[in-house]
Amino acid sequence: MAPAIAQNGHVIGDVLCKKSIHDPLNWEMAAESLRGSHLNEVKKMVDEFRKPIVKLGGGTLTVAQVASITNTSGVKVQLSETARAGVKASSDCVMDCMSKGTYSYGVTTKFGATSHRRTKNGGALQKEHIRFLNAGVFGPNSKAVGPNGEKLYTHEAFRVAGLSGGFFQLQP
């Protein structure tokens, strides 16, 4: 017979306190990322945003890194040698899809936002994709640019892209 876990409101043994070795959903990593204060997290993001070099190594890419690359001129991007093969394979796959005219959902179609547009220019696709996804993410003046070069709020950019729905207007 299995030992009782609780008796009269008291836990018997360490059954409930055992650390799980198997964590397929990475709950521990998610919980660890939430430790600390919001102020410290914002300070860290600002420091990361101001760095002159963004080093990519196949790990997590932060909002500050993406915002820094897309909003700050003169920021250099360094790709680690260990990540280079994976980036090359991914790039080759996207370029192959574009040259054949096949869809690559989320890459060439931006999750449906530009499913009506096609291009064979990989560099232009990449810049447009980053600009679209980064609209209004960081900085007081960061806005998307419309088809005629005008500045757009995020909800306007989504509307121009053919997406509709309820959007929150964030105030600084």
C-alpha atoms as a PDB file:
ATOM      1  CA  MET A   1       0.000   0.000   0.000  1.00  0.00           C
ATOM      2  CA  ALA A   2       1.347   3.444  -0.965  1.00  0.00           C
ATOM      3  CA  PRO A   3       2.222   5.798   1.897  1.00  0.00           C
ATOM      4  CA  ALA A   4      -0.206   8.624   2.592  1.00  0.00           C
ATOM      5  CA  ILE A   5       0.850  11.995   1.221  1.00  0.00           C
ATOM      6  CA  ALA A   6      -0.990  14.113   3.787  1.00  0.00           C
ATOM      7  CA  GLN A   7      -2.316  13.387   7.241  1.00  0.00           C
ATOM      8  CA  ASN A   8      -4.211  15.944   9.335  1.00  0.00           C
ATOM      9  CA  GLY A   9      -3.099  18.733   6.973  1.00  0.00           C
ATOM     10  CA  HIS A  10       0.619  17.890   7.219  1.00  0.00           C
ATOM     11  CA  VAL A  11       2.663  16.525   4.315  1.00  0.00           C
ATOM     12  CA  ILE A  12       4.401  13.272   5.093  1.00  0.00           C
ATOM     13  CA  GLY A  13       7.691  12.706   3.310  1.00  0.00           C
ATOM     14  CA  ASP A  14       9.015  14.605   0.317  1.00  0.00           C
ATOM     15  CA  VAL A  15       6.663  13.232  -2.343  1.00  0.00           C
ATOM     16  CA  LEU A  16       5.330  16.669  -3.336  1.00  0.00           C
ATOM     17  CA  CYS A  17       8.718  18.368  -3.229  1.00  0.00           C
ATOM     18  CA  LYS A  18      10.641  16.152  -5.618  1.00  0.00           C
ATOM     19  CA  LYS A  19      12.175  18.005  -8.515  1.00  0.00           C
ATOM     20  CA  SER A  20      10.970  16.808 -11.895  1.00  0.00           C
ATOM     21  CA  ILE A  21      13.797  15.626 -14.113  1.00  0.00           C
ATOM     22  CA  HIS A  22      11.614  15.399 -17.205  1.00  0.00           C
ATOM     23  CA  ASP A  23      10.365  18.849 -18.338  1.00  0.00           C
ATOM     24  CA  PRO A  24       9.361  18.573 -22.021  1.00  0.00           C
ATOM     25  CA  LEU A  25       7.474  21.895 -22.031  1.00  0.00           C
ATOM     26  CA  ASN A  26      10.362  23.823 -20.425  1.00  0.00           C
ATOM     27  CA  TRP A  27       8.244  25.116 -17.550  1.00  0.00           C
ATOM     28  CA  GLU A  28      11.327  25.607 -15.398  1.00  0.00           C
ATOM     29  CA  MET A  29      12.987  27.792 -18.042  1.00  0.00           C
ATOM     30  CA  ALA A  30       9.762  29.817 -18.434  1.00  0.00           C
ATOM     31  CA  ALA A  31       9.491  30.319 -14.670  1.00  0.00           C
ATOM     32  CA  GLU A  32      13.155  31.314 -14.438  1.00  0.00           C
ATOM     33  CA  SER A  33      12.682  33.958 -17.137  1.00  0.00           C
ATOM     34  CA  LEU A  34       9.951  35.609 -15.017  1.00  0.00           C
ATOM     35  CA  ARG A  35      12.117  36.039 -11.921  1.00  0.00           C
ATOM     36  CA  GLY A  36      13.221  39.552 -10.983  1.00  0.00           C
ATOM     37  CA  SER A  37      11.594  42.941 -11.272  1.00  0.00           C
ATOM     38  CA  HIS A  38       9.979  44.574 -14.282  1.00  0.00           C
ATOM     39  CA  LEU A  39      12.266  47.601 -13.858  1.00  0.00           C
ATOM     40  CA  ASN A  40      15.372  45.416 -14.071  1.00  0.00           C
ATOM     41  CA  GLU A  41      13.986  43.745 -17.183  1.00  0.00           C
ATOM     42  CA  VAL A  42      13.366  47.125 -18.847  1.00  0.00           C
ATOM     43  CA  LYS A  43      16.873  48.316 -17.911  1.00  0.00           C
ATOM     44  CA  LYS A  44      18.321  45.127 -19.391  1.00  0.00           C
ATOM     45  CA  MET A  45      16.288  45.635 -22.584  1.00  0.00           C
ATOM     46  CA  VAL A  46      17.472  49.245 -22.957  1.00  0.00           C
ATOM     47  CA  ASP A  47      21.106  48.225 -22.385  1.00  0.00           C
ATOM     48  CA  GLU A  48      20.759  45.460 -24.953  1.00  0.00           C
ATOM     49  CA  PHE A  49      19.097  47.862 -27.422  1.00  0.00           C
ATOM     50  CA  ARG A  50      22.048  50.285 -27.163  1.00  0.00           C
ATOM     51  CA  LYS A  51      24.774  47.733 -27.887  1.00  0.00           C
ATOM     52  CA  PRO A  52      26.664  48.450 -31.146  1.00  0.00           C
ATOM     53  CA  ILE A  53      26.949  44.737 -31.977  1.00  0.00           C
ATOM     54  CA  VAL A  54      24.197  42.106 -31.891  1.00  0.00           C
ATOM     55  CA  LYS A  55      25.629  38.603 -31.630  1.00  0.00           C
ATOM     56  CA  LEU A  56      23.451  35.803 -32.963  1.00  0.00           C
ATOM     57  CA  GLY A  57      24.324  32.278 -31.960  1.00  0.00           C
ATOM     58  CA  GLY A  58      21.215  30.200 -32.465  1.00  0.00           C
ATOM     59  CA  GLY A  59      19.726  30.998 -29.060  1.00  0.00           C
ATOM     60  CA  THR A  60      16.804  33.181 -28.100  1.00  0.00           C
ATOM     61  CA  LEU A  61      16.454  36.411 -30.073  1.00  0.00           C
ATOM     62  CA  THR A  62      15.115  39.219 -27.899  1.00  0.00           C
ATOM     63  CA  VAL A  63      12.784  42.083 -28.780  1.00  0.00           C
ATOM     64  CA  ALA A  64      15.593  44.528 -27.947  1.00  0.00           C
ATOM     65  CA  GLN A  65      17.938  42.822 -30.430  1.00  0.00           C
ATOM     66  CA  VAL A  66      15.373  42.917 -33.239  1.00  0.00           C
ATOM     67  CA  ALA A  67      14.451  46.533 -32.462  1.00  0.00           C
ATOM     68  CA  SER A  68      18.109  47.536 -32.344  1.00  0.00           C
ATOM     69  CA  ILE A  69      18.845  45.976 -35.727  1.00  0.00           C
ATOM     70  CA  THR A  70      15.819  47.493 -37.442  1.00  0.00           C
ATOM     71  CA  ASN A  71      15.765  50.934 -35.798  1.00  0.00           C
ATOM     72  CA  THR A  72      19.378  51.906 -35.218  1.00  0.00           C
ATOM     73  CA  SER A  73      21.756  52.699 -38.030  1.00  0.00           C
ATOM     74  CA  GLY A  74      25.278  51.440 -37.611  1.00  0.00           C
ATOM     75  CA  VAL A  75      24.405  48.353 -35.574  1.00  0.00           C
ATOM     76  CA  LYS A  76      26.493  45.382 -36.658  1.00  0.00           C
ATOM     77  CA  VAL A  77      25.180  41.817 -36.628  1.00  0.00           C
ATOM     78  CA  GLN A  78      27.598  38.973 -35.947  1.00  0.00           C
ATOM     79  CA  LEU A  79      26.564  35.405 -36.675  1.00  0.00           C
ATOM     80  CA  SER A  80      28.383  32.648 -34.812  1.00  0.00           C
ATOM     81  CA  GLU A  81      30.009  29.929 -36.891  1.00  0.00           C
ATOM     82  CA  THR A  82      27.911  27.278 -35.147  1.00  0.00           C
ATOM     83  CA  ALA A  83      24.679  28.930 -36.328  1.00  0.00           C
ATOM     84  CA  ARG A  84      25.888  29.719 -39.858  1.00  0.00           C
ATOM     85  CA  ALA A  85      25.021  26.302 -41.373  1.00  0.00           C
ATOM     86  CA  GLY A  86      21.449  26.422 -40.064  1.00  0.00           C
ATOM     87  CA  VAL A  87      20.925  29.978 -41.307  1.00  0.00           C
ATOM     88  CA  LYS A  88      22.297  29.028 -44.734  1.00  0.00           C
ATOM     89  CA  ALA A  89      20.004  25.979 -44.980  1.00  0.00           C
ATOM     90  CA  SER A  90      16.984  28.073 -43.962  1.00  0.00           C
ATOM     91  CA  SER A  91      17.875  30.816 -46.436  1.00  0.00           C
ATOM     92  CA  ASP A  92      18.364  28.302 -49.251  1.00  0.00           C
ATOM     93  CA  CYS A  93      14.956  26.771 -48.505  1.00  0.00           C
ATOM     94  CA  VAL A  94      13.191  30.160 -48.613  1.00  0.00           C
ATOM     95  CA  MET A  95      15.022  31.233 -51.787  1.00  0.00           C
ATOM     96  CA  ASP A  96      14.152  27.904 -53.425  1.00  0.00           C
ATOM     97  CA  CYS A  97      10.467  28.364 -52.528  1.00  0.00           C
ATOM     98  CA  MET A  98      10.494  31.916 -53.900  1.00  0.00           C
ATOM     99  CA  SER A  99      12.177  30.922 -57.160  1.00  0.00           C
ATOM    100  CA  LYS A 100       9.583  28.173 -57.697  1.00  0.00           C
ATOM    101  CA  GLY A 101       6.719  30.484 -56.749  1.00  0.00           C
ATOM    102  CA  THR A 102       5.594  28.182 -53.939  1.00  0.00           C
ATOM    103  CA  TYR A 103       4.201  29.465 -50.678  1.00  0.00           C
ATOM    104  CA  SER A 104       6.197  29.345 -47.508  1.00  0.00           C
ATOM    105  CA  TYR A 105       3.514  30.202 -44.956  1.00  0.00           C
ATOM    106  CA  GLY A 106       4.704  32.806 -42.484  1.00  0.00           C
ATOM    107  CA  VAL A 107       7.770  33.655 -44.564  1.00  0.00           C
ATOM    108  CA  THR A 108       6.629  34.606 -48.045  1.00  0.00           C
ATOM    109  CA  THR A 109       3.028  35.244 -46.952  1.00  0.00           C
ATOM    110  CA  LYS A 110       3.633  36.892 -43.540  1.00  0.00           C
ATOM    111  CA  PHE A 111       0.976  34.677 -41.997  1.00  0.00           C
ATOM    112  CA  GLY A 112      -1.587  35.741 -44.595  1.00  0.00           C
ATOM    113  CA  ALA A 113      -0.849  39.461 -44.535  1.00  0.00           C
ATOM    114  CA  THR A 114       0.748  39.511 -47.988  1.00  0.00           C
ATOM    115  CA  SER A 115      -0.573  36.349 -49.555  1.00  0.00           C
ATOM    116  CA  HIS A 116      -1.560  38.445 -52.591  1.00  0.00           C
ATOM    117  CA  ARG A 117       2.020  39.675 -53.203  1.00  0.00           C
ATOM    118  CA  ARG A 118       4.954  37.725 -54.625  1.00  0.00           C
ATOM    119  CA  THR A 119       8.636  38.542 -54.993  1.00  0.00           C
ATOM    120  CA  LYS A 120      11.827  36.793 -56.008  1.00  0.00           C
ATOM    121  CA  ASN A 121      14.016  39.323 -54.187  1.00  0.00           C
ATOM    122  CA  GLY A 122      15.049  37.663 -50.916  1.00  0.00           C
ATOM    123  CA  GLY A 123      16.680  40.749 -49.422  1.00  0.00           C
ATOM    124  CA  ALA A 124      13.628  42.921 -50.035  1.00  0.00           C
ATOM    125  CA  LEU A 125      11.362  40.215 -48.606  1.00  0.00           C
ATOM    126  CA  GLN A 126      13.493  39.977 -45.474  1.00  0.00           C
ATOM    127  CA  LYS A 127      13.547  43.746 -44.881  1.00  0.00           C
ATOM    128  CA  GLU A 128       9.804  44.066 -45.459  1.00  0.00           C
ATOM    129  CA  HIS A 129       9.104  41.111 -43.177  1.00  0.00           C
ATOM    130  CA  ILE A 130      11.160  42.537 -40.305  1.00  0.00           C
ATOM    131  CA  ARG A 131       9.665  46.014 -40.781  1.00  0.00           C
ATOM    132  CA  PHE A 132       6.144  44.596 -40.766  1.00  0.00           C
ATOM    133  CA  LEU A 133       6.663  42.481 -37.647  1.00  0.00           C
ATOM    134  CA  ASN A 134       8.537  45.235 -35.818  1.00  0.00           C
ATOM    135  CA  ALA A 135       5.947  47.986 -36.367  1.00  0.00           C
ATOM    136  CA  GLY A 136       5.726  50.007 -33.164  1.00  0.00           C
ATOM    137  CA  VAL A 137       7.699  47.549 -31.039  1.00  0.00           C
ATOM    138  CA  PHE A 138      10.338  49.849 -29.585  1.00  0.00           C
ATOM    139  CA  GLY A 139      10.886  53.571 -29.198  1.00  0.00           C
ATOM    140  CA  PRO A 140       8.507  56.523 -29.085  1.00  0.00           C
ATOM    141  CA  ASN A 141       8.709  57.223 -32.825  1.00  0.00           C
ATOM    142  CA  SER A 142       8.843  53.690 -34.190  1.00  0.00           C
ATOM    143  CA  LYS A 143       6.027  53.370 -36.677  1.00  0.00           C
ATOM    144  CA  ALA A 144       5.429  51.323 -39.770  1.00  0.00           C
ATOM    145  CA  VAL A 145       5.750  52.973 -43.158  1.00  0.00           C
ATOM    146  CA  GLY A 146       2.828  52.801 -45.560  1.00  0.00           C
ATOM    147  CA  PRO A 147       2.944  52.113 -49.299  1.00  0.00           C
ATOM    148  CA  ASN A 148       3.403  55.837 -50.030  1.00  0.00           C
ATOM    149  CA  GLY A 149       6.076  56.366 -47.351  1.00  0.00           C
ATOM    150  CA  GLU A 150       3.718  57.794 -44.716  1.00  0.00           C
ATOM    151  CA  LYS A 151       4.078  56.804 -41.055  1.00  0.00           C
ATOM    152  CA  LEU A 152       1.427  54.379 -39.814  1.00  0.00           C
ATOM    153  CA  TYR A 153       0.310  53.284 -36.382  1.00  0.00           C
ATOM    154  CA  THR A 154       0.418  49.531 -35.820  1.00  0.00           C
ATOM    155  CA  HIS A 155      -3.339  49.042 -36.275  1.00  0.00           C
ATOM    156  CA  GLU A 156      -3.181  51.045 -39.536  1.00  0.00           C
ATOM    157  CA  ALA A 157      -0.275  48.913 -40.776  1.00  0.00           C
ATOM    158  CA  PHE A 158      -2.292  45.767 -40.135  1.00  0.00           C
ATOM    159  CA  ARG A 159      -5.303  47.260 -41.943  1.00  0.00           C
ATOM    160  CA  VAL A 160      -3.138  48.230 -44.958  1.00  0.00           C
ATOM    161  CA  ALA A 161      -1.747  44.690 -44.957  1.00  0.00           C
ATOM    162  CA  GLY A 162      -5.276  43.305 -45.189  1.00  0.00           C
ATOM    163  CA  LEU A 163      -5.610  42.187 -41.576  1.00  0.00           C
ATOM    164  CA  SER A 164      -8.526  43.362 -39.485  1.00  0.00           C
ATOM    165  CA  GLY A 165      -9.590  42.924 -35.909  1.00  0.00           C
ATOM    166  CA  GLY A 166      -9.502  44.639 -32.558  1.00  0.00           C
ATOM    167  CA  PHE A 167      -6.185  46.295 -31.797  1.00  0.00           C
ATOM    168  CA  PHE A 168      -5.124  48.076 -28.640  1.00  0.00           C
ATOM    169  CA  GLN A 169      -3.621  51.534 -29.008  1.00  0.00           C
ATOM    170  CA  LEU A 170      -0.584  51.566 -26.707  1.00  0.00           C
ATOM    171  CA  GLN A 171       0.219  54.882 -25.059  1.00  0.00           C
ATOM    172  CA  PRO A 172       3.779  55.705 -23.917  1.00  0.00           C
END
